[in-house]
Amino acid sequence: MSMEQISGFLPMLLIIVVFYFFMIRPQMKKAKDHKKYVEELKKGDRVITTSGIHGKIVDFNDSTFLIEVEGGTKIRFEKSAISLESSKALNVKA
């Protein structure tokens, strides 16, 4: 390859590197943090779902939480439906 061909690939390589560090890497870290947070939740923890439902965990299994909302109603949610940012903020205020 000549120097001209290499310099032609340089801008594309730079775009890929920037895209990785500013888009892909932070998203992967956020997903890892969410997974860790959800795995650490236990019975009695107060959470907020991504749809904005507030409740307390009363039971859980490998992939779902049973959440008790106001009035004693219990609703089952996928673990991925728990909002990391909102739930952390809720538990900090409590």
PDB file of N, CA and C in Angstrom:
ATOM      1  N   MET A   1       0.830  -1.188   0.000  1.00  0.00           N
ATOM      2  CA  MET A   1       0.000   0.000   0.000  1.00  0.00           C
ATOM      3  C   MET A   1       0.870   1.246   0.000  1.00  0.00           C
ATOM      4  N   SER A   2       0.444   2.212  -0.768  1.00  0.00           N
ATOM      5  CA  SER A   2       1.204   3.460  -0.826  1.00  0.00           C
ATOM      6  C   SER A   2       0.764   4.377   0.307  1.00  0.00           C
ATOM      7  N   MET A   3       1.525   5.419   0.503  1.00  0.00           N
ATOM      8  CA  MET A   3       1.237   6.381   1.555  1.00  0.00           C
ATOM      9  C   MET A   3      -0.089   7.095   1.286  1.00  0.00           C
ATOM     10  N   GLU A   4      -0.420   7.295   0.033  1.00  0.00           N
ATOM     11  CA  GLU A   4      -1.681   7.957  -0.318  1.00  0.00           C
ATOM     12  C   GLU A   4      -2.881   7.086   0.083  1.00  0.00           C
ATOM     13  N   GLN A   5      -2.768   5.786  -0.122  1.00  0.00           N
ATOM     14  CA  GLN A   5      -3.856   4.890   0.250  1.00  0.00           C
ATOM     15  C   GLN A   5      -4.036   4.845   1.770  1.00  0.00           C
ATOM     16  N   ILE A   6      -2.927   4.817   2.490  1.00  0.00           N
ATOM     17  CA  ILE A   6      -2.983   4.795   3.953  1.00  0.00           C
ATOM     18  C   ILE A   6      -3.599   6.090   4.473  1.00  0.00           C
ATOM     19  N   SER A   7      -3.196   7.228   3.917  1.00  0.00           N
ATOM     20  CA  SER A   7      -3.749   8.508   4.365  1.00  0.00           C
ATOM     21  C   SER A   7      -5.228   8.624   3.994  1.00  0.00           C
ATOM     22  N   GLY A   8      -5.688   7.880   3.009  1.00  0.00           N
ATOM     23  CA  GLY A   8      -7.101   7.861   2.650  1.00  0.00           C
ATOM     24  C   GLY A   8      -7.935   7.114   3.683  1.00  0.00           C
ATOM     25  N   PHE A   9      -7.352   6.101   4.311  1.00  0.00           N
ATOM     26  CA  PHE A   9      -8.043   5.326   5.338  1.00  0.00           C
ATOM     27  C   PHE A   9      -7.998   6.004   6.714  1.00  0.00           C
ATOM     28  N   LEU A  10      -7.065   6.901   6.906  1.00  0.00           N
ATOM     29  CA  LEU A  10      -6.876   7.535   8.209  1.00  0.00           C
ATOM     30  C   LEU A  10      -8.122   8.267   8.727  1.00  0.00           C
ATOM     31  N   PRO A  11      -8.803   9.081   7.923  1.00  0.00           N
ATOM     32  CA  PRO A  11     -10.017   9.735   8.449  1.00  0.00           C
ATOM     33  C   PRO A  11     -11.096   8.724   8.866  1.00  0.00           C
ATOM     34  N   MET A  12     -11.269   7.682   8.087  1.00  0.00           N
ATOM     35  CA  MET A  12     -12.269   6.666   8.419  1.00  0.00           C
ATOM     36  C   MET A  12     -11.898   5.953   9.715  1.00  0.00           C
ATOM     37  N   LEU A  13     -10.644   5.641   9.886  1.00  0.00           N
ATOM     38  CA  LEU A  13     -10.179   4.999  11.111  1.00  0.00           C
ATOM     39  C   LEU A  13     -10.394   5.917  12.312  1.00  0.00           C
ATOM     40  N   LEU A  14     -10.114   7.194  12.129  1.00  0.00           N
ATOM     41  CA  LEU A  14     -10.309   8.171  13.198  1.00  0.00           C
ATOM     42  C   LEU A  14     -11.790   8.266  13.583  1.00  0.00           C
ATOM     43  N   ILE A  15     -12.676   8.248  12.616  1.00  0.00           N
ATOM     44  CA  ILE A  15     -14.115   8.295  12.883  1.00  0.00           C
ATOM     45  C   ILE A  15     -14.550   7.069  13.680  1.00  0.00           C
ATOM     46  N   ILE A  16     -14.046   5.912  13.320  1.00  0.00           N
ATOM     47  CA  ILE A  16     -14.391   4.676  14.029  1.00  0.00           C
ATOM     48  C   ILE A  16     -13.903   4.725  15.476  1.00  0.00           C
ATOM     49  N   VAL A  17     -12.700   5.198  15.687  1.00  0.00           N
ATOM     50  CA  VAL A  17     -12.143   5.293  17.042  1.00  0.00           C
ATOM     51  C   VAL A  17     -12.955   6.274  17.881  1.00  0.00           C
ATOM     52  N   VAL A  18     -13.271   7.423  17.330  1.00  0.00           N
ATOM     53  CA  VAL A  18     -14.060   8.419  18.060  1.00  0.00           C
ATOM     54  C   VAL A  18     -15.447   7.864  18.362  1.00  0.00           C
ATOM     55  N   PHE A  19     -16.072   7.219  17.392  1.00  0.00           N
ATOM     56  CA  PHE A  19     -17.393   6.630  17.577  1.00  0.00           C
ATOM     57  C   PHE A  19     -17.361   5.607  18.706  1.00  0.00           C
ATOM     58  N   TYR A  20     -16.316   4.787  18.747  1.00  0.00           N
ATOM     59  CA  TYR A  20     -16.200   3.772  19.798  1.00  0.00           C
ATOM     60  C   TYR A  20     -16.112   4.427  21.174  1.00  0.00           C
ATOM     61  N   PHE A  21     -15.226   5.401  21.339  1.00  0.00           N
ATOM     62  CA  PHE A  21     -15.000   5.989  22.657  1.00  0.00           C
ATOM     63  C   PHE A  21     -16.130   6.896  23.128  1.00  0.00           C
ATOM     64  N   PHE A  22     -16.873   7.499  22.209  1.00  0.00           N
ATOM     65  CA  PHE A  22     -17.942   8.403  22.619  1.00  0.00           C
ATOM     66  C   PHE A  22     -19.336   7.796  22.551  1.00  0.00           C
ATOM     67  N   MET A  23     -19.508   6.666  21.882  1.00  0.00           N
ATOM     68  CA  MET A  23     -20.835   6.084  21.742  1.00  0.00           C
ATOM     69  C   MET A  23     -20.911   4.650  22.277  1.00  0.00           C
ATOM     70  N   ILE A  24     -20.109   3.780  21.762  1.00  0.00           N
ATOM     71  CA  ILE A  24     -20.219   2.352  22.076  1.00  0.00           C
ATOM     72  C   ILE A  24     -19.742   2.049  23.494  1.00  0.00           C
ATOM     73  N   ARG A  25     -18.577   2.518  23.851  1.00  0.00           N
ATOM     74  CA  ARG A  25     -17.998   2.212  25.161  1.00  0.00           C
ATOM     75  C   ARG A  25     -18.873   2.701  26.320  1.00  0.00           C
ATOM     76  N   PRO A  26     -19.348   3.955  26.296  1.00  0.00           N
ATOM     77  CA  PRO A  26     -20.228   4.389  27.390  1.00  0.00           C
ATOM     78  C   PRO A  26     -21.527   3.581  27.473  1.00  0.00           C
ATOM     79  N   GLN A  27     -22.071   3.191  26.329  1.00  0.00           N
ATOM     80  CA  GLN A  27     -23.300   2.409  26.321  1.00  0.00           C
ATOM     81  C   GLN A  27     -23.062   1.027  26.936  1.00  0.00           C
ATOM     82  N   MET A  28     -21.920   0.429  26.635  1.00  0.00           N
ATOM     83  CA  MET A  28     -21.584  -0.875  27.212  1.00  0.00           C
ATOM     84  C   MET A  28     -21.410  -0.756  28.731  1.00  0.00           C
ATOM     85  N   LYS A  29     -20.784   0.327  29.187  1.00  0.00           N
ATOM     86  CA  LYS A  29     -20.600   0.542  30.622  1.00  0.00           C
ATOM     87  C   LYS A  29     -21.946   0.737  31.311  1.00  0.00           C
ATOM     88  N   LYS A  30     -22.832   1.492  30.689  1.00  0.00           N
ATOM     89  CA  LYS A  30     -24.158   1.724  31.258  1.00  0.00           C
ATOM     90  C   LYS A  30     -24.936   0.410  31.379  1.00  0.00           C
ATOM     91  N   ALA A  31     -24.869  -0.437  30.358  1.00  0.00           N
ATOM     92  CA  ALA A  31     -25.560  -1.729  30.391  1.00  0.00           C
ATOM     93  C   ALA A  31     -24.983  -2.624  31.489  1.00  0.00           C
ATOM     94  N   LYS A  32     -23.669  -2.589  31.649  1.00  0.00           N
ATOM     95  CA  LYS A  32     -23.016  -3.392  32.690  1.00  0.00           C
ATOM     96  C   LYS A  32     -23.431  -2.901  34.079  1.00  0.00           C
ATOM     97  N   ASP A  33     -23.482  -1.581  34.266  1.00  0.00           N
ATOM     98  CA  ASP A  33     -23.897  -1.012  35.555  1.00  0.00           C
ATOM     99  C   ASP A  33     -25.344  -1.377  35.870  1.00  0.00           C
ATOM    100  N   HIS A  34     -26.216  -1.326  34.855  1.00  0.00           N
ATOM    101  CA  HIS A  34     -27.632  -1.665  35.060  1.00  0.00           C
ATOM    102  C   HIS A  34     -27.769  -3.129  35.475  1.00  0.00           C
ATOM    103  N   LYS A  35     -27.061  -4.003  34.787  1.00  0.00           N
ATOM    104  CA  LYS A  35     -27.130  -5.435  35.106  1.00  0.00           C
ATOM    105  C   LYS A  35     -26.661  -5.694  36.542  1.00  0.00           C
ATOM    106  N   LYS A  36     -25.566  -5.050  36.932  1.00  0.00           N
ATOM    107  CA  LYS A  36     -25.034  -5.219  38.286  1.00  0.00           C
ATOM    108  C   LYS A  36     -26.028  -4.701  39.321  1.00  0.00           C
ATOM    109  N   TYR A  37     -26.622  -3.540  39.059  1.00  0.00           N
ATOM    110  CA  TYR A  37     -27.589  -2.961  39.992  1.00  0.00           C
ATOM    111  C   TYR A  37     -28.792  -3.874  40.175  1.00  0.00           C
ATOM    112  N   VAL A  38     -29.322  -4.388  39.075  1.00  0.00           N
ATOM    113  CA  VAL A  38     -30.505  -5.254  39.135  1.00  0.00           C
ATOM    114  C   VAL A  38     -30.188  -6.548  39.882  1.00  0.00           C
ATOM    115  N   GLU A  39     -28.989  -7.084  39.682  1.00  0.00           N
ATOM    116  CA  GLU A  39     -28.604  -8.317  40.373  1.00  0.00           C
ATOM    117  C   GLU A  39     -28.478  -8.111  41.884  1.00  0.00           C
ATOM    118  N   GLU A  40     -28.172  -6.892  42.315  1.00  0.00           N
ATOM    119  CA  GLU A  40     -27.981  -6.609  43.739  1.00  0.00           C
ATOM    120  C   GLU A  40     -29.284  -6.264  44.461  1.00  0.00           C
ATOM    121  N   LEU A  41     -30.379  -6.057  43.718  1.00  0.00           N
ATOM    122  CA  LEU A  41     -31.656  -5.734  44.353  1.00  0.00           C
ATOM    123  C   LEU A  41     -32.164  -6.920  45.159  1.00  0.00           C
ATOM    124  N   LYS A  42     -32.874  -6.625  46.244  1.00  0.00           N
ATOM    125  CA  LYS A  42     -33.385  -7.676  47.122  1.00  0.00           C
ATOM    126  C   LYS A  42     -34.806  -7.327  47.568  1.00  0.00           C
ATOM    127  N   LYS A  43     -35.448  -8.253  48.247  1.00  0.00           N
ATOM    128  CA  LYS A  43     -36.804  -8.014  48.751  1.00  0.00           C
ATOM    129  C   LYS A  43     -36.807  -6.788  49.649  1.00  0.00           C
ATOM    130  N   GLY A  44     -37.844  -5.983  49.495  1.00  0.00           N
ATOM    131  CA  GLY A  44     -37.986  -4.787  50.317  1.00  0.00           C
ATOM    132  C   GLY A  44     -37.419  -3.533  49.679  1.00  0.00           C
ATOM    133  N   ASP A  45     -36.593  -3.669  48.649  1.00  0.00           N
ATOM    134  CA  ASP A  45     -36.038  -2.493  47.976  1.00  0.00           C
ATOM    135  C   ASP A  45     -37.133  -1.781  47.201  1.00  0.00           C
ATOM    136  N   ARG A  46     -37.103  -0.454  47.251  1.00  0.00           N
ATOM    137  CA  ARG A  46     -38.050   0.337  46.485  1.00  0.00           C
ATOM    138  C   ARG A  46     -37.442   0.627  45.113  1.00  0.00           C
ATOM    139  N   VAL A  47     -38.264   0.497  44.081  1.00  0.00           N
ATOM    140  CA  VAL A  47     -37.783   0.692  42.720  1.00  0.00           C
ATOM    141  C   VAL A  47     -38.786   1.505  41.907  1.00  0.00           C
ATOM    142  N   ILE A  48     -38.312   2.013  40.772  1.00  0.00           N
ATOM    143  CA  ILE A  48     -39.155   2.668  39.787  1.00  0.00           C
ATOM    144  C   ILE A  48     -38.884   1.972  38.462  1.00  0.00           C
ATOM    145  N   THR A  49     -39.944   1.606  37.763  1.00  0.00           N
ATOM    146  CA  THR A  49     -39.770   0.956  36.462  1.00  0.00           C
ATOM    147  C   THR A  49     -39.524   2.007  35.388  1.00  0.00           C
ATOM    148  N   THR A  50     -39.117   1.548  34.221  1.00  0.00           N
ATOM    149  CA  THR A  50     -38.881   2.467  33.111  1.00  0.00           C
ATOM    150  C   THR A  50     -40.178   3.143  32.668  1.00  0.00           C
ATOM    151  N   SER A  51     -41.318   2.563  32.993  1.00  0.00           N
ATOM    152  CA  SER A  51     -42.603   3.175  32.651  1.00  0.00           C
ATOM    153  C   SER A  51     -43.094   4.109  33.756  1.00  0.00           C
ATOM    154  N   GLY A  52     -42.328   4.252  34.842  1.00  0.00           N
ATOM    155  CA  GLY A  52     -42.651   5.204  35.890  1.00  0.00           C
ATOM    156  C   GLY A  52     -43.455   4.648  37.052  1.00  0.00           C
ATOM    157  N   ILE A  53     -43.608   3.341  37.139  1.00  0.00           N
ATOM    158  CA  ILE A  53     -44.367   2.744  38.237  1.00  0.00           C
ATOM    159  C   ILE A  53     -43.459   2.583  39.454  1.00  0.00           C
ATOM    160  N   HIS A  54     -43.918   3.109  40.597  1.00  0.00           N
ATOM    161  CA  HIS A  54     -43.168   3.024  41.848  1.00  0.00           C
ATOM    162  C   HIS A  54     -43.679   1.823  42.636  1.00  0.00           C
ATOM    163  N   GLY A  55     -42.766   1.104  43.266  1.00  0.00           N
ATOM    164  CA  GLY A  55     -43.186  -0.027  44.078  1.00  0.00           C
ATOM    165  C   GLY A  55     -42.061  -0.594  44.904  1.00  0.00           C
ATOM    166  N   LYS A  56     -42.400  -1.675  45.618  1.00  0.00           N
ATOM    167  CA  LYS A  56     -41.436  -2.351  46.494  1.00  0.00           C
ATOM    168  C   LYS A  56     -41.348  -3.800  46.041  1.00  0.00           C
ATOM    169  N   ILE A  57     -40.128  -4.324  45.973  1.00  0.00           N
ATOM    170  CA  ILE A  57     -39.924  -5.711  45.552  1.00  0.00           C
ATOM    171  C   ILE A  57     -40.400  -6.645  46.666  1.00  0.00           C
ATOM    172  N   VAL A  58     -41.311  -7.563  46.312  1.00  0.00           N
ATOM    173  CA  VAL A  58     -41.792  -8.534  47.300  1.00  0.00           C
ATOM    174  C   VAL A  58     -41.327  -9.948  46.968  1.00  0.00           C
ATOM    175  N   ASP A  59     -40.932 -10.188  45.729  1.00  0.00           N
ATOM    176  CA  ASP A  59     -40.430 -11.504  45.327  1.00  0.00           C
ATOM    177  C   ASP A  59     -39.696 -11.344  44.006  1.00  0.00           C
ATOM    178  N   PHE A  60     -38.826 -12.290  43.703  1.00  0.00           N
ATOM    179  CA  PHE A  60     -38.120 -12.254  42.413  1.00  0.00           C
ATOM    180  C   PHE A  60     -37.659 -13.640  42.040  1.00  0.00           C
ATOM    181  N   ASN A  61     -37.388 -13.833  40.749  1.00  0.00           N
ATOM    182  CA  ASN A  61     -36.757 -15.064  40.269  1.00  0.00           C
ATOM    183  C   ASN A  61     -35.665 -14.662  39.282  1.00  0.00           C
ATOM    184  N   ASP A  62     -35.224 -15.565  38.439  1.00  0.00           N
ATOM    185  CA  ASP A  62     -34.098 -15.288  37.561  1.00  0.00           C
ATOM    186  C   ASP A  62     -34.312 -14.109  36.624  1.00  0.00           C
ATOM    187  N   SER A  63     -35.528 -13.939  36.126  1.00  0.00           N
ATOM    188  CA  SER A  63     -35.723 -12.898  35.111  1.00  0.00           C
ATOM    189  C   SER A  63     -36.794 -11.862  35.451  1.00  0.00           C
ATOM    190  N   THR A  64     -37.512 -12.027  36.559  1.00  0.00           N
ATOM    191  CA  THR A  64     -38.583 -11.087  36.877  1.00  0.00           C
ATOM    192  C   THR A  64     -38.579 -10.679  38.351  1.00  0.00           C
ATOM    193  N   PHE A  65     -39.248  -9.540  38.607  1.00  0.00           N
ATOM    194  CA  PHE A  65     -39.511  -9.067  39.962  1.00  0.00           C
ATOM    195  C   PHE A  65     -41.012  -9.012  40.153  1.00  0.00           C
ATOM    196  N   LEU A  66     -41.480  -9.348  41.341  1.00  0.00           N
ATOM    197  CA  LEU A  66     -42.867  -9.119  41.715  1.00  0.00           C
ATOM    198  C   LEU A  66     -42.839  -7.861  42.573  1.00  0.00           C
ATOM    199  N   ILE A  67     -43.494  -6.811  42.081  1.00  0.00           N
ATOM    200  CA  ILE A  67     -43.448  -5.512  42.737  1.00  0.00           C
ATOM    201  C   ILE A  67     -44.823  -5.172  43.288  1.00  0.00           C
ATOM    202  N   GLU A  68     -44.844  -4.749  44.556  1.00  0.00           N
ATOM    203  CA  GLU A  68     -46.089  -4.323  45.183  1.00  0.00           C
ATOM    204  C   GLU A  68     -46.210  -2.816  45.035  1.00  0.00           C
ATOM    205  N   VAL A  69     -47.318  -2.380  44.456  1.00  0.00           N
ATOM    206  CA  VAL A  69     -47.576  -0.956  44.277  1.00  0.00           C
ATOM    207  C   VAL A  69     -48.618  -0.511  45.296  1.00  0.00           C
ATOM    208  N   GLU A  70     -48.933   0.765  45.303  1.00  0.00           N
ATOM    209  CA  GLU A  70     -49.890   1.318  46.260  1.00  0.00           C
ATOM    210  C   GLU A  70     -51.218   0.562  46.217  1.00  0.00           C
ATOM    211  N   GLY A  71     -51.779   0.323  47.366  1.00  0.00           N
ATOM    212  CA  GLY A  71     -53.040  -0.401  47.455  1.00  0.00           C
ATOM    213  C   GLY A  71     -52.847  -1.903  47.581  1.00  0.00           C
ATOM    214  N   GLY A  72     -51.601  -2.354  47.641  1.00  0.00           N
ATOM    215  CA  GLY A  72     -51.321  -3.772  47.811  1.00  0.00           C
ATOM    216  C   GLY A  72     -51.342  -4.588  46.532  1.00  0.00           C
ATOM    217  N   THR A  73     -51.565  -3.945  45.398  1.00  0.00           N
ATOM    218  CA  THR A  73     -51.562  -4.662  44.123  1.00  0.00           C
ATOM    219  C   THR A  73     -50.148  -5.110  43.788  1.00  0.00           C
ATOM    220  N   LYS A  74     -50.013  -6.328  43.299  1.00  0.00           N
ATOM    221  CA  LYS A  74     -48.698  -6.867  42.933  1.00  0.00           C
ATOM    222  C   LYS A  74     -48.648  -7.068  41.420  1.00  0.00           C
ATOM    223  N   ILE A  75     -47.547  -6.593  40.834  1.00  0.00           N
ATOM    224  CA  ILE A  75     -47.358  -6.672  39.388  1.00  0.00           C
ATOM    225  C   ILE A  75     -45.992  -7.297  39.121  1.00  0.00           C
ATOM    226  N   ARG A  76     -45.927  -8.203  38.141  1.00  0.00           N
ATOM    227  CA  ARG A  76     -44.657  -8.834  37.784  1.00  0.00           C
ATOM    228  C   ARG A  76     -44.029  -8.078  36.616  1.00  0.00           C
ATOM    229  N   PHE A  77     -42.742  -7.715  36.760  1.00  0.00           N
ATOM    230  CA  PHE A  77     -41.989  -7.007  35.734  1.00  0.00           C
ATOM    231  C   PHE A  77     -40.717  -7.762  35.400  1.00  0.00           C
ATOM    232  N   GLU A  78     -40.296  -7.644  34.158  1.00  0.00           N
ATOM    233  CA  GLU A  78     -38.979  -8.142  33.767  1.00  0.00           C
ATOM    234  C   GLU A  78     -37.921  -7.320  34.495  1.00  0.00           C
ATOM    235  N   LYS A  79     -36.809  -7.933  34.812  1.00  0.00           N
ATOM    236  CA  LYS A  79     -35.741  -7.207  35.508  1.00  0.00           C
ATOM    237  C   LYS A  79     -35.216  -6.043  34.675  1.00  0.00           C
ATOM    238  N   SER A  80     -35.260  -6.188  33.365  1.00  0.00           N
ATOM    239  CA  SER A  80     -34.771  -5.115  32.491  1.00  0.00           C
ATOM    240  C   SER A  80     -35.671  -3.888  32.539  1.00  0.00           C
ATOM    241  N   ALA A  81     -36.870  -3.995  33.119  1.00  0.00           N
ATOM    242  CA  ALA A  81     -37.801  -2.868  33.186  1.00  0.00           C
ATOM    243  C   ALA A  81     -37.526  -1.949  34.373  1.00  0.00           C
ATOM    244  N   ILE A  82     -36.536  -2.263  35.190  1.00  0.00           N
ATOM    245  CA  ILE A  82     -36.197  -1.423  36.335  1.00  0.00           C
ATOM    246  C   ILE A  82     -35.306  -0.283  35.854  1.00  0.00           C
ATOM    247  N   SER A  83     -35.662   0.933  36.231  1.00  0.00           N
ATOM    248  CA  SER A  83     -34.883   2.105  35.839  1.00  0.00           C
ATOM    249  C   SER A  83     -33.735   2.311  36.825  1.00  0.00           C
ATOM    250  N   LEU A  84     -32.525   2.244  36.333  1.00  0.00           N
ATOM    251  CA  LEU A  84     -31.337   2.380  37.183  1.00  0.00           C
ATOM    252  C   LEU A  84     -31.274   3.763  37.808  1.00  0.00           C
ATOM    253  N   GLU A  85     -31.338   4.806  36.991  1.00  0.00           N
ATOM    254  CA  GLU A  85     -31.168   6.175  37.495  1.00  0.00           C
ATOM    255  C   GLU A  85     -32.289   6.565  38.469  1.00  0.00           C
ATOM    256  N   SER A  86     -33.536   6.296  38.083  1.00  0.00           N
ATOM    257  CA  SER A  86     -34.670   6.675  38.921  1.00  0.00           C
ATOM    258  C   SER A  86     -34.688   5.900  40.232  1.00  0.00           C
ATOM    259  N   SER A  87     -34.398   4.613  40.179  1.00  0.00           N
ATOM    260  CA  SER A  87     -34.415   3.790  41.391  1.00  0.00           C
ATOM    261  C   SER A  87     -33.301   4.187  42.339  1.00  0.00           C
ATOM    262  N   LYS A  88     -32.127   4.478  41.812  1.00  0.00           N
ATOM    263  CA  LYS A  88     -31.016   4.925  42.664  1.00  0.00           C
ATOM    264  C   LYS A  88     -31.376   6.250  43.331  1.00  0.00           C
ATOM    265  N   ALA A  89     -31.949   7.179  42.566  1.00  0.00           N
ATOM    266  CA  ALA A  89     -32.327   8.478  43.130  1.00  0.00           C
ATOM    267  C   ALA A  89     -33.397   8.312  44.197  1.00  0.00           C
ATOM    268  N   LEU A  90     -34.342   7.408  43.980  1.00  0.00           N
ATOM    269  CA  LEU A  90     -35.402   7.162  44.955  1.00  0.00           C
ATOM    270  C   LEU A  90     -34.837   6.640  46.257  1.00  0.00           C
ATOM    271  N   ASN A  91     -33.888   5.720  46.188  1.00  0.00           N
ATOM    272  CA  ASN A  91     -33.318   5.115  47.391  1.00  0.00           C
ATOM    273  C   ASN A  91     -32.342   6.045  48.100  1.00  0.00           C
ATOM    274  N   VAL A  92     -31.761   7.009  47.397  1.00  0.00           N
ATOM    275  CA  VAL A  92     -30.875   7.969  48.034  1.00  0.00           C
ATOM    276  C   VAL A  92     -31.687   8.942  48.889  1.00  0.00           C
ATOM    277  N   LYS A  93     -32.850   9.337  48.379  1.00  0.00           N
ATOM    278  CA  LYS A  93     -33.716  10.288  49.090  1.00  0.00           C
ATOM    279  C   LYS A  93     -34.349   9.673  50.335  1.00  0.00           C
ATOM    280  N   ALA A  94     -34.536   8.342  50.300  1.00  0.00           N
ATOM    281  CA  ALA A  94     -35.251   7.673  51.400  1.00  0.00           C
ATOM    282  C   ALA A  94     -34.435   7.622  52.661  1.00  0.00           C
TER     283      ALA A  94
END
